[in-house]
PDB file of N, CA and C in Angstrom:
ATOM      1  N   MET A   1     146.734  -3.833 168.394  1.00  0.00           N
ATOM      2  CA  MET A   1     146.239  -2.593 167.822  1.00  0.00           C
ATOM      3  C   MET A   1     147.285  -1.483 167.959  1.00  0.00           C
ATOM      4  N   ILE A   2     147.978  -1.454 169.101  1.00  0.00           N
ATOM      5  CA  ILE A   2     148.964  -0.404 169.335  1.00  0.00           C
ATOM      6  C   ILE A   2     150.156  -0.588 168.395  1.00  0.00           C
ATOM      7  N   ILE A   3     150.635  -1.815 168.288  1.00  0.00           N
ATOM      8  CA  ILE A   3     151.766  -2.101 167.403  1.00  0.00           C
ATOM      9  C   ILE A   3     151.373  -1.845 165.952  1.00  0.00           C
ATOM     10  N   GLU A   4     150.147  -2.200 165.587  1.00  0.00           N
ATOM     11  CA  GLU A   4     149.698  -1.915 164.230  1.00  0.00           C
ATOM     12  C   GLU A   4     149.724  -0.397 163.963  1.00  0.00           C
ATOM     13  N   TRP A   5     149.315   0.385 164.967  1.00  0.00           N
ATOM     14  CA  TRP A   5     149.340   1.830 164.818  1.00  0.00           C
ATOM     15  C   TRP A   5     150.777   2.330 164.669  1.00  0.00           C
ATOM     16  N   PHE A   6     151.678   1.813 165.534  1.00  0.00           N
ATOM     17  CA  PHE A   6     153.089   2.191 165.407  1.00  0.00           C
ATOM     18  C   PHE A   6     153.619   1.882 164.008  1.00  0.00           C
ATOM     19  N   ASP A   7     153.341   0.680 163.498  1.00  0.00           N
ATOM     20  CA  ASP A   7     153.825   0.305 162.173  1.00  0.00           C
ATOM     21  C   ASP A   7     153.250   1.198 161.095  1.00  0.00           C
ATOM     22  N   ALA A   8     151.954   1.484 161.184  1.00  0.00           N
ATOM     23  CA  ALA A   8     151.274   2.318 160.184  1.00  0.00           C
ATOM     24  C   ALA A   8     151.776   3.759 160.210  1.00  0.00           C
ATOM     25  N   ASN A   9     152.325   4.184 161.353  1.00  0.00           N
ATOM     26  CA  ASN A   9     152.767   5.556 161.524  1.00  0.00           C
ATOM     27  C   ASN A   9     154.295   5.685 161.600  1.00  0.00           C
ATOM     28  N   ALA A  10     154.991   4.643 161.199  1.00  0.00           N
ATOM     29  CA  ALA A  10     156.474   4.625 161.129  1.00  0.00           C
ATOM     30  C   ALA A  10     157.110   4.956 162.465  1.00  0.00           C
ATOM     31  N   VAL A  11     156.518   4.451 163.554  1.00  0.00           N
ATOM     32  CA  VAL A  11     157.106   4.601 164.868  1.00  0.00           C
ATOM     33  C   VAL A  11     158.008   3.385 165.120  1.00  0.00           C
ATOM     34  N   PRO A  12     159.313   3.597 165.232  1.00  0.00           N
ATOM     35  CA  PRO A  12     160.213   2.448 165.402  1.00  0.00           C
ATOM     36  C   PRO A  12     160.093   1.848 166.794  1.00  0.00           C
ATOM     37  N   TRP A  13     159.988   0.524 166.874  1.00  0.00           N
ATOM     38  CA  TRP A  13     159.848  -0.176 168.145  1.00  0.00           C
ATOM     39  C   TRP A  13     160.491  -1.558 168.033  1.00  0.00           C
ATOM     40  N   THR A  14     160.766  -2.135 169.183  1.00  0.00           N
ATOM     41  CA  THR A  14     161.263  -3.503 169.232  1.00  0.00           C
ATOM     42  C   THR A  14     160.864  -4.117 170.569  1.00  0.00           C
ATOM     43  N   MET A  15     160.751  -5.428 170.578  1.00  0.00           N
ATOM     44  CA  MET A  15     160.452  -6.120 171.842  1.00  0.00           C
ATOM     45  C   MET A  15     161.599  -5.924 172.811  1.00  0.00           C
ATOM     46  N   CYS A  16     161.302  -5.834 174.088  1.00  0.00           N
ATOM     47  CA  CYS A  16     162.349  -5.758 175.094  1.00  0.00           C
ATOM     48  C   CYS A  16     161.833  -6.367 176.393  1.00  0.00           C
ATOM     49  N   GLY A  17     162.752  -6.624 177.288  1.00  0.00           N
ATOM     50  CA  GLY A  17     162.366  -7.141 178.576  1.00  0.00           C
ATOM     51  C   GLY A  17     162.056  -6.014 179.535  1.00  0.00           C
ATOM     52  N   GLY A  18     161.618  -6.391 180.713  1.00  0.00           N
ATOM     53  CA  GLY A  18     161.370  -5.413 181.744  1.00  0.00           C
ATOM     54  C   GLY A  18     162.673  -4.972 182.362  1.00  0.00           C
ATOM     55  N   ILE A  19     162.581  -4.145 183.381  1.00  0.00           N
ATOM     56  CA  ILE A  19     163.767  -3.669 184.091  1.00  0.00           C
ATOM     57  C   ILE A  19     164.214  -4.805 185.018  1.00  0.00           C
ATOM     58  N   VAL A  20     165.376  -5.339 184.760  1.00  0.00           N
ATOM     59  CA  VAL A  20     165.878  -6.493 185.505  1.00  0.00           C
ATOM     60  C   VAL A  20     166.611  -6.022 186.744  1.00  0.00           C
ATOM     61  N   ARG A  21     166.352  -6.675 187.831  1.00  0.00           N
ATOM     62  CA  ARG A  21     167.074  -6.458 189.088  1.00  0.00           C
ATOM     63  C   ARG A  21     167.903  -7.705 189.341  1.00  0.00           C
ATOM     64  N   GLU A  22     168.996  -7.565 189.964  1.00  0.00           N
ATOM     65  CA  GLU A  22     169.880  -8.702 190.184  1.00  0.00           C
ATOM     66  C   GLU A  22     169.299  -9.729 191.153  1.00  0.00           C
ATOM     67  N   ASN A  23     168.314  -9.349 191.929  1.00  0.00           N
ATOM     68  CA  ASN A  23     167.727 -10.288 192.856  1.00  0.00           C
ATOM     69  C   ASN A  23     166.440 -10.895 192.342  1.00  0.00           C
ATOM     70  N   GLY A  24     166.118 -10.688 191.054  1.00  0.00           N
ATOM     71  CA  GLY A  24     164.951 -11.304 190.457  1.00  0.00           C
ATOM     72  C   GLY A  24     164.480 -10.587 189.212  1.00  0.00           C
ATOM     73  N   TRP A  25     163.688 -11.277 188.442  1.00  0.00           N
ATOM     74  CA  TRP A  25     163.125 -10.688 187.238  1.00  0.00           C
ATOM     75  C   TRP A  25     161.871 -11.478 186.877  1.00  0.00           C
ATOM     76  N   SER A  26     161.133 -10.948 185.947  1.00  0.00           N
ATOM     77  CA  SER A  26     159.882 -11.599 185.539  1.00  0.00           C
ATOM     78  C   SER A  26     159.987 -12.032 184.075  1.00  0.00           C
ATOM     79  N   SER A  27     159.048 -12.823 183.664  1.00  0.00           N
ATOM     80  CA  SER A  27     159.024 -13.264 182.267  1.00  0.00           C
ATOM     81  C   SER A  27     158.536 -12.123 181.375  1.00  0.00           C
ATOM     82  N   TYR A  28     158.659 -12.328 180.091  1.00  0.00           N
ATOM     83  CA  TYR A  28     158.230 -11.324 179.106  1.00  0.00           C
ATOM     84  C   TYR A  28     156.741 -11.085 179.227  1.00  0.00           C
ATOM     85  N   GLU A  29     156.334  -9.827 179.346  1.00  0.00           N
ATOM     86  CA  GLU A  29     154.954  -9.469 179.501  1.00  0.00           C
ATOM     87  C   GLU A  29     154.446  -8.532 178.388  1.00  0.00           C
ATOM     88  N   GLY A  30     155.138  -8.561 177.260  1.00  0.00           N
ATOM     89  CA  GLY A  30     154.711  -7.738 176.119  1.00  0.00           C
ATOM     90  C   GLY A  30     155.385  -6.379 176.058  1.00  0.00           C
ATOM     91  N   GLN A  31     156.440  -6.145 176.818  1.00  0.00           N
ATOM     92  CA  GLN A  31     157.103  -4.844 176.809  1.00  0.00           C
ATOM     93  C   GLN A  31     157.731  -4.572 175.440  1.00  0.00           C
ATOM     94  N   ILE A  32     157.677  -3.335 175.071  1.00  0.00           N
ATOM     95  CA  ILE A  32     158.376  -2.907 173.835  1.00  0.00           C
ATOM     96  C   ILE A  32     159.136  -1.630 174.128  1.00  0.00           C
ATOM     97  N   TYR A  33     160.218  -1.488 173.403  1.00  0.00           N
ATOM     98  CA  TYR A  33     161.000  -0.251 173.439  1.00  0.00           C
ATOM     99  C   TYR A  33     160.583   0.571 172.232  1.00  0.00           C
ATOM    100  N   ILE A  34     160.213   1.805 172.473  1.00  0.00           N
ATOM    101  CA  ILE A  34     159.795   2.717 171.409  1.00  0.00           C
ATOM    102  C   ILE A  34     160.964   3.655 171.172  1.00  0.00           C
ATOM    103  N   ASP A  35     161.536   3.620 170.000  1.00  0.00           N
ATOM    104  CA  ASP A  35     162.736   4.375 169.701  1.00  0.00           C
ATOM    105  C   ASP A  35     162.391   5.761 169.160  1.00  0.00           C
ATOM    106  N   VAL A  36     161.789   6.546 170.046  1.00  0.00           N
ATOM    107  CA  VAL A  36     161.414   7.920 169.751  1.00  0.00           C
ATOM    108  C   VAL A  36     161.876   8.777 170.912  1.00  0.00           C
ATOM    109  N   PRO A  37     162.618   9.849 170.638  1.00  0.00           N
ATOM    110  CA  PRO A  37     163.094  10.659 171.789  1.00  0.00           C
ATOM    111  C   PRO A  37     161.936  11.360 172.489  1.00  0.00           C
ATOM    112  N   TYR A  38     162.102  11.501 173.813  1.00  0.00           N
ATOM    113  CA  TYR A  38     161.135  12.275 174.587  1.00  0.00           C
ATOM    114  C   TYR A  38     161.412  13.734 174.318  1.00  0.00           C
ATOM    115  N   ASP A  39     160.700  14.261 173.370  1.00  0.00           N
ATOM    116  CA  ASP A  39     160.894  15.631 172.911  1.00  0.00           C
ATOM    117  C   ASP A  39     159.522  16.150 172.508  1.00  0.00           C
ATOM    118  N   LEU A  40     158.980  17.022 173.316  1.00  0.00           N
ATOM    119  CA  LEU A  40     157.625  17.515 173.080  1.00  0.00           C
ATOM    120  C   LEU A  40     157.466  18.253 171.764  1.00  0.00           C
ATOM    121  N   SER A  41     158.575  18.666 171.149  1.00  0.00           N
ATOM    122  CA  SER A  41     158.492  19.342 169.851  1.00  0.00           C
ATOM    123  C   SER A  41     158.676  18.368 168.689  1.00  0.00           C
ATOM    124  N   ASN A  42     158.946  17.100 168.965  1.00  0.00           N
ATOM    125  CA  ASN A  42     159.146  16.081 167.929  1.00  0.00           C
ATOM    126  C   ASN A  42     157.791  15.632 167.405  1.00  0.00           C
ATOM    127  N   PRO A  43     157.530  15.775 166.093  1.00  0.00           N
ATOM    128  CA  PRO A  43     156.209  15.433 165.552  1.00  0.00           C
ATOM    129  C   PRO A  43     155.851  13.954 165.774  1.00  0.00           C
ATOM    130  N   THR A  44     156.802  13.055 165.680  1.00  0.00           N
ATOM    131  CA  THR A  44     156.511  11.632 165.921  1.00  0.00           C
ATOM    132  C   THR A  44     156.117  11.421 167.362  1.00  0.00           C
ATOM    133  N   TYR A  45     156.828  12.048 168.279  1.00  0.00           N
ATOM    134  CA  TYR A  45     156.468  11.932 169.695  1.00  0.00           C
ATOM    135  C   TYR A  45     155.078  12.529 169.943  1.00  0.00           C
ATOM    136  N   GLN A  46     154.789  13.650 169.344  1.00  0.00           N
ATOM    137  CA  GLN A  46     153.487  14.297 169.528  1.00  0.00           C
ATOM    138  C   GLN A  46     152.362  13.388 169.063  1.00  0.00           C
ATOM    139  N   ASP A  47     152.552  12.769 167.876  1.00  0.00           N
ATOM    140  CA  ASP A  47     151.506  11.870 167.351  1.00  0.00           C
ATOM    141  C   ASP A  47     151.318  10.655 168.283  1.00  0.00           C
ATOM    142  N   MET A  48     152.446  10.081 168.710  1.00  0.00           N
ATOM    143  CA  MET A  48     152.397   8.918 169.567  1.00  0.00           C
ATOM    144  C   MET A  48     151.742   9.266 170.914  1.00  0.00           C
ATOM    145  N   GLN A  49     152.111  10.384 171.496  1.00  0.00           N
ATOM    146  CA  GLN A  49     151.540  10.805 172.761  1.00  0.00           C
ATOM    147  C   GLN A  49     150.026  11.023 172.618  1.00  0.00           C
ATOM    148  N   GLU A  50     149.604  11.634 171.536  1.00  0.00           N
ATOM    149  CA  GLU A  50     148.190  11.871 171.304  1.00  0.00           C
ATOM    150  C   GLU A  50     147.434  10.563 171.163  1.00  0.00           C
ATOM    151  N   PHE A  51     148.061   9.565 170.534  1.00  0.00           N
ATOM    152  CA  PHE A  51     147.446   8.270 170.377  1.00  0.00           C
ATOM    153  C   PHE A  51     147.346   7.520 171.708  1.00  0.00           C
ATOM    154  N   LEU A  52     148.395   7.580 172.529  1.00  0.00           N
ATOM    155  CA  LEU A  52     148.455   6.786 173.758  1.00  0.00           C
ATOM    156  C   LEU A  52     147.819   7.458 174.969  1.00  0.00           C
ATOM    157  N   GLU A  53     147.759   8.796 174.978  1.00  0.00           N
ATOM    158  CA  GLU A  53     147.287   9.487 176.159  1.00  0.00           C
ATOM    159  C   GLU A  53     146.090  10.391 175.846  1.00  0.00           C
ATOM    160  N   ARG A  54     145.282  10.579 176.834  1.00  0.00           N
ATOM    161  CA  ARG A  54     144.184  11.557 176.776  1.00  0.00           C
ATOM    162  C   ARG A  54     144.796  12.947 177.015  1.00  0.00           C
ATOM    163  N   PRO A  55     144.061  14.002 176.726  1.00  0.00           N
ATOM    164  CA  PRO A  55     144.593  15.351 176.966  1.00  0.00           C
ATOM    165  C   PRO A  55     145.021  15.612 178.429  1.00  0.00           C
ATOM    166  N   ASP A  56     144.397  14.892 179.398  1.00  0.00           N
ATOM    167  CA  ASP A  56     144.782  15.106 180.791  1.00  0.00           C
ATOM    168  C   ASP A  56     146.003  14.283 181.207  1.00  0.00           C
ATOM    169  N   GLY A  57     146.605  13.532 180.260  1.00  0.00           N
ATOM    170  CA  GLY A  57     147.806  12.756 180.540  1.00  0.00           C
ATOM    171  C   GLY A  57     147.555  11.329 180.962  1.00  0.00           C
ATOM    172  N   THR A  58     146.310  10.946 181.162  1.00  0.00           N
ATOM    173  CA  THR A  58     146.018   9.556 181.508  1.00  0.00           C
ATOM    174  C   THR A  58     146.046   8.695 180.250  1.00  0.00           C
ATOM    175  N   CYS A  59     146.316   7.419 180.459  1.00  0.00           N
ATOM    176  CA  CYS A  59     146.468   6.488 179.351  1.00  0.00           C
ATOM    177  C   CYS A  59     145.101   6.152 178.742  1.00  0.00           C
ATOM    178  N   ARG A  60     145.041   6.090 177.434  1.00  0.00           N
ATOM    179  CA  ARG A  60     143.809   5.722 176.726  1.00  0.00           C
ATOM    180  C   ARG A  60     143.483   4.239 176.820  1.00  0.00           C
ATOM    181  N   PHE A  61     144.468   3.417 177.182  1.00  0.00           N
ATOM    182  CA  PHE A  61     144.296   1.971 177.175  1.00  0.00           C
ATOM    183  C   PHE A  61     144.479   1.439 178.604  1.00  0.00           C
ATOM    184  N   ASP A  62     143.474   0.749 179.100  1.00  0.00           N
ATOM    185  CA  ASP A  62     143.504   0.285 180.492  1.00  0.00           C
ATOM    186  C   ASP A  62     144.629  -0.711 180.772  1.00  0.00           C
ATOM    187  N   ASP A  63     145.032  -1.484 179.800  1.00  0.00           N
ATOM    188  CA  ASP A  63     146.041  -2.504 180.023  1.00  0.00           C
ATOM    189  C   ASP A  63     147.438  -2.088 179.541  1.00  0.00           C
ATOM    190  N   LEU A  64     147.662  -0.801 179.393  1.00  0.00           N
ATOM    191  CA  LEU A  64     148.952  -0.280 178.910  1.00  0.00           C
ATOM    192  C   LEU A  64     149.590   0.608 179.960  1.00  0.00           C
ATOM    193  N   LYS A  65     150.899   0.480 180.118  1.00  0.00           N
ATOM    194  CA  LYS A  65     151.680   1.409 180.931  1.00  0.00           C
ATOM    195  C   LYS A  65     152.687   2.044 180.002  1.00  0.00           C
ATOM    196  N   PHE A  66     152.669   3.347 179.923  1.00  0.00           N
ATOM    197  CA  PHE A  66     153.550   4.116 179.032  1.00  0.00           C
ATOM    198  C   PHE A  66     154.618   4.770 179.906  1.00  0.00           C
ATOM    199  N   TRP A  67     155.820   4.218 179.901  1.00  0.00           N
ATOM    200  CA  TRP A  67     156.904   4.713 180.742  1.00  0.00           C
ATOM    201  C   TRP A  67     157.930   5.449 179.913  1.00  0.00           C
ATOM    202  N   ILE A  68     158.437   6.496 180.474  1.00  0.00           N
ATOM    203  CA  ILE A  68     159.533   7.239 179.851  1.00  0.00           C
ATOM    204  C   ILE A  68     160.714   7.141 180.826  1.00  0.00           C
ATOM    205  N   LEU A  69     161.817   6.584 180.348  1.00  0.00           N
ATOM    206  CA  LEU A  69     163.021   6.466 181.167  1.00  0.00           C
ATOM    207  C   LEU A  69     164.055   7.438 180.658  1.00  0.00           C
ATOM    208  N   SER A  70     164.723   8.114 181.564  1.00  0.00           N
ATOM    209  CA  SER A  70     165.845   8.970 181.189  1.00  0.00           C
ATOM    210  C   SER A  70     167.009   8.066 180.785  1.00  0.00           C
ATOM    211  N   LEU A  71     167.949   8.598 180.073  1.00  0.00           N
ATOM    212  CA  LEU A  71     169.130   7.829 179.715  1.00  0.00           C
ATOM    213  C   LEU A  71     169.835   7.341 180.983  1.00  0.00           C
ATOM    214  N   GLU A  72     169.895   8.179 181.988  1.00  0.00           N
ATOM    215  CA  GLU A  72     170.547   7.808 183.235  1.00  0.00           C
ATOM    216  C   GLU A  72     169.864   6.576 183.868  1.00  0.00           C
ATOM    217  N   GLU A  73     168.511   6.593 183.885  1.00  0.00           N
ATOM    218  CA  GLU A  73     167.798   5.438 184.439  1.00  0.00           C
ATOM    219  C   GLU A  73     168.030   4.188 183.584  1.00  0.00           C
ATOM    220  N   ALA A  74     167.990   4.362 182.271  1.00  0.00           N
ATOM    221  CA  ALA A  74     168.181   3.227 181.384  1.00  0.00           C
ATOM    222  C   ALA A  74     169.567   2.637 181.496  1.00  0.00           C
ATOM    223  N   MET A  75     170.548   3.447 181.863  1.00  0.00           N
ATOM    224  CA  MET A  75     171.929   2.964 181.936  1.00  0.00           C
ATOM    225  C   MET A  75     172.284   2.396 183.316  1.00  0.00           C
ATOM    226  N   GLU A  76     171.384   2.472 184.301  1.00  0.00           N
ATOM    227  CA  GLU A  76     171.709   1.967 185.633  1.00  0.00           C
ATOM    228  C   GLU A  76     172.104   0.500 185.630  1.00  0.00           C
ATOM    229  N   ASN A  77     171.558  -0.266 184.735  1.00  0.00           N
ATOM    230  CA  ASN A  77     171.871  -1.704 184.675  1.00  0.00           C
ATOM    231  C   ASN A  77     172.733  -2.057 183.458  1.00  0.00           C
ATOM    232  N   ALA A  78     173.448  -1.069 182.904  1.00  0.00           N
ATOM    233  CA  ALA A  78     174.284  -1.349 181.735  1.00  0.00           C
ATOM    234  C   ALA A  78     175.327  -2.421 182.027  1.00  0.00           C
ATOM    235  N   HIS A  79     175.754  -2.540 183.293  1.00  0.00           N
ATOM    236  CA  HIS A  79     176.745  -3.564 183.626  1.00  0.00           C
ATOM    237  C   HIS A  79     176.220  -4.972 183.387  1.00  0.00           C
ATOM    238  N   HIS A  80     174.903  -5.147 183.307  1.00  0.00           N
ATOM    239  CA  HIS A  80     174.322  -6.464 183.015  1.00  0.00           C
ATOM    240  C   HIS A  80     174.709  -6.942 181.624  1.00  0.00           C
ATOM    241  N   ASP A  81     175.079  -6.019 180.735  1.00  0.00           N
ATOM    242  CA  ASP A  81     175.427  -6.366 179.379  1.00  0.00           C
ATOM    243  C   ASP A  81     176.903  -6.727 179.215  1.00  0.00           C
ATOM    244  N   GLU A  82     177.688  -6.585 180.261  1.00  0.00           N
ATOM    245  CA  GLU A  82     179.105  -6.947 180.174  1.00  0.00           C
ATOM    246  C   GLU A  82     179.239  -8.435 179.977  1.00  0.00           C
ATOM    247  N   PRO A  83     180.181  -8.858 179.116  1.00  0.00           N
ATOM    248  CA  PRO A  83     180.363 -10.295 178.890  1.00  0.00           C
ATOM    249  C   PRO A  83     180.589 -11.048 180.189  1.00  0.00           C
ATOM    250  N   GLY A  84     179.841 -12.144 180.385  1.00  0.00           N
ATOM    251  CA  GLY A  84     180.002 -12.993 181.538  1.00  0.00           C
ATOM    252  C   GLY A  84     179.307 -12.530 182.797  1.00  0.00           C
ATOM    253  N   PHE A  85     178.664 -11.358 182.785  1.00  0.00           N
ATOM    254  CA  PHE A  85     178.040 -10.847 184.005  1.00  0.00           C
ATOM    255  C   PHE A  85     177.083 -11.845 184.618  1.00  0.00           C
ATOM    256  N   TRP A  86     176.100 -12.339 183.818  1.00  0.00           N
ATOM    257  CA  TRP A  86     175.086 -13.217 184.364  1.00  0.00           C
ATOM    258  C   TRP A  86     175.660 -14.564 184.790  1.00  0.00           C
ATOM    259  N   GLU A  87     176.678 -15.038 184.090  1.00  0.00           N
ATOM    260  CA  GLU A  87     177.333 -16.274 184.479  1.00  0.00           C
ATOM    261  C   GLU A  87     177.996 -16.124 185.857  1.00  0.00           C
ATOM    262  N   ARG A  88     178.691 -15.025 186.058  1.00  0.00           N
ATOM    263  CA  ARG A  88     179.331 -14.766 187.344  1.00  0.00           C
ATOM    264  C   ARG A  88     178.279 -14.586 188.434  1.00  0.00           C
ATOM    265  N   HIS A  89     177.209 -13.889 188.106  1.00  0.00           N
ATOM    266  CA  HIS A  89     176.139 -13.667 189.072  1.00  0.00           C
ATOM    267  C   HIS A  89     175.480 -14.999 189.468  1.00  0.00           C
ATOM    268  N   ALA A  90     175.290 -15.911 188.515  1.00  0.00           N
ATOM    269  CA  ALA A  90     174.645 -17.203 188.798  1.00  0.00           C
ATOM    270  C   ALA A  90     175.493 -18.068 189.722  1.00  0.00           C
ATOM    271  N   GLU A  91     176.787 -17.848 189.744  1.00  0.00           N
ATOM    272  CA  GLU A  91     177.648 -18.653 190.629  1.00  0.00           C
ATOM    273  C   GLU A  91     177.311 -18.437 192.095  1.00  0.00           C
ATOM    274  N   GLY A  92     176.688 -17.319 192.414  1.00  0.00           N
ATOM    275  CA  GLY A  92     176.324 -17.037 193.795  1.00  0.00           C
ATOM    276  C   GLY A  92     175.024 -17.705 194.260  1.00  0.00           C
ATOM    277  N   PHE A  93     174.335 -18.396 193.354  1.00  0.00           N
ATOM    278  CA  PHE A  93     173.063 -19.035 193.733  1.00  0.00           C
ATOM    279  C   PHE A  93     173.292 -20.410 194.264  1.00  0.00           C
TER     280      PHE A  93
END
């Protein structure tokens, strides 16, 4: 239902994994990346926020977690994308 709403309202999204830690990770649990800037004056963000959250800021959907990551937080694991990183990391197991 949420993805259908995103598609119907031209909210760009893509499947993504969770936040990976080098000491473990979990399987895909339905996470998606929503390509909309966190900007309270952005009309797309406003519509999406109104759809996902109640006026008091709580989530409208019991089984949904709506996370906003800063660029700094999102880039903390950018080194995981370097060629050969995971191969080198696996050698330590």
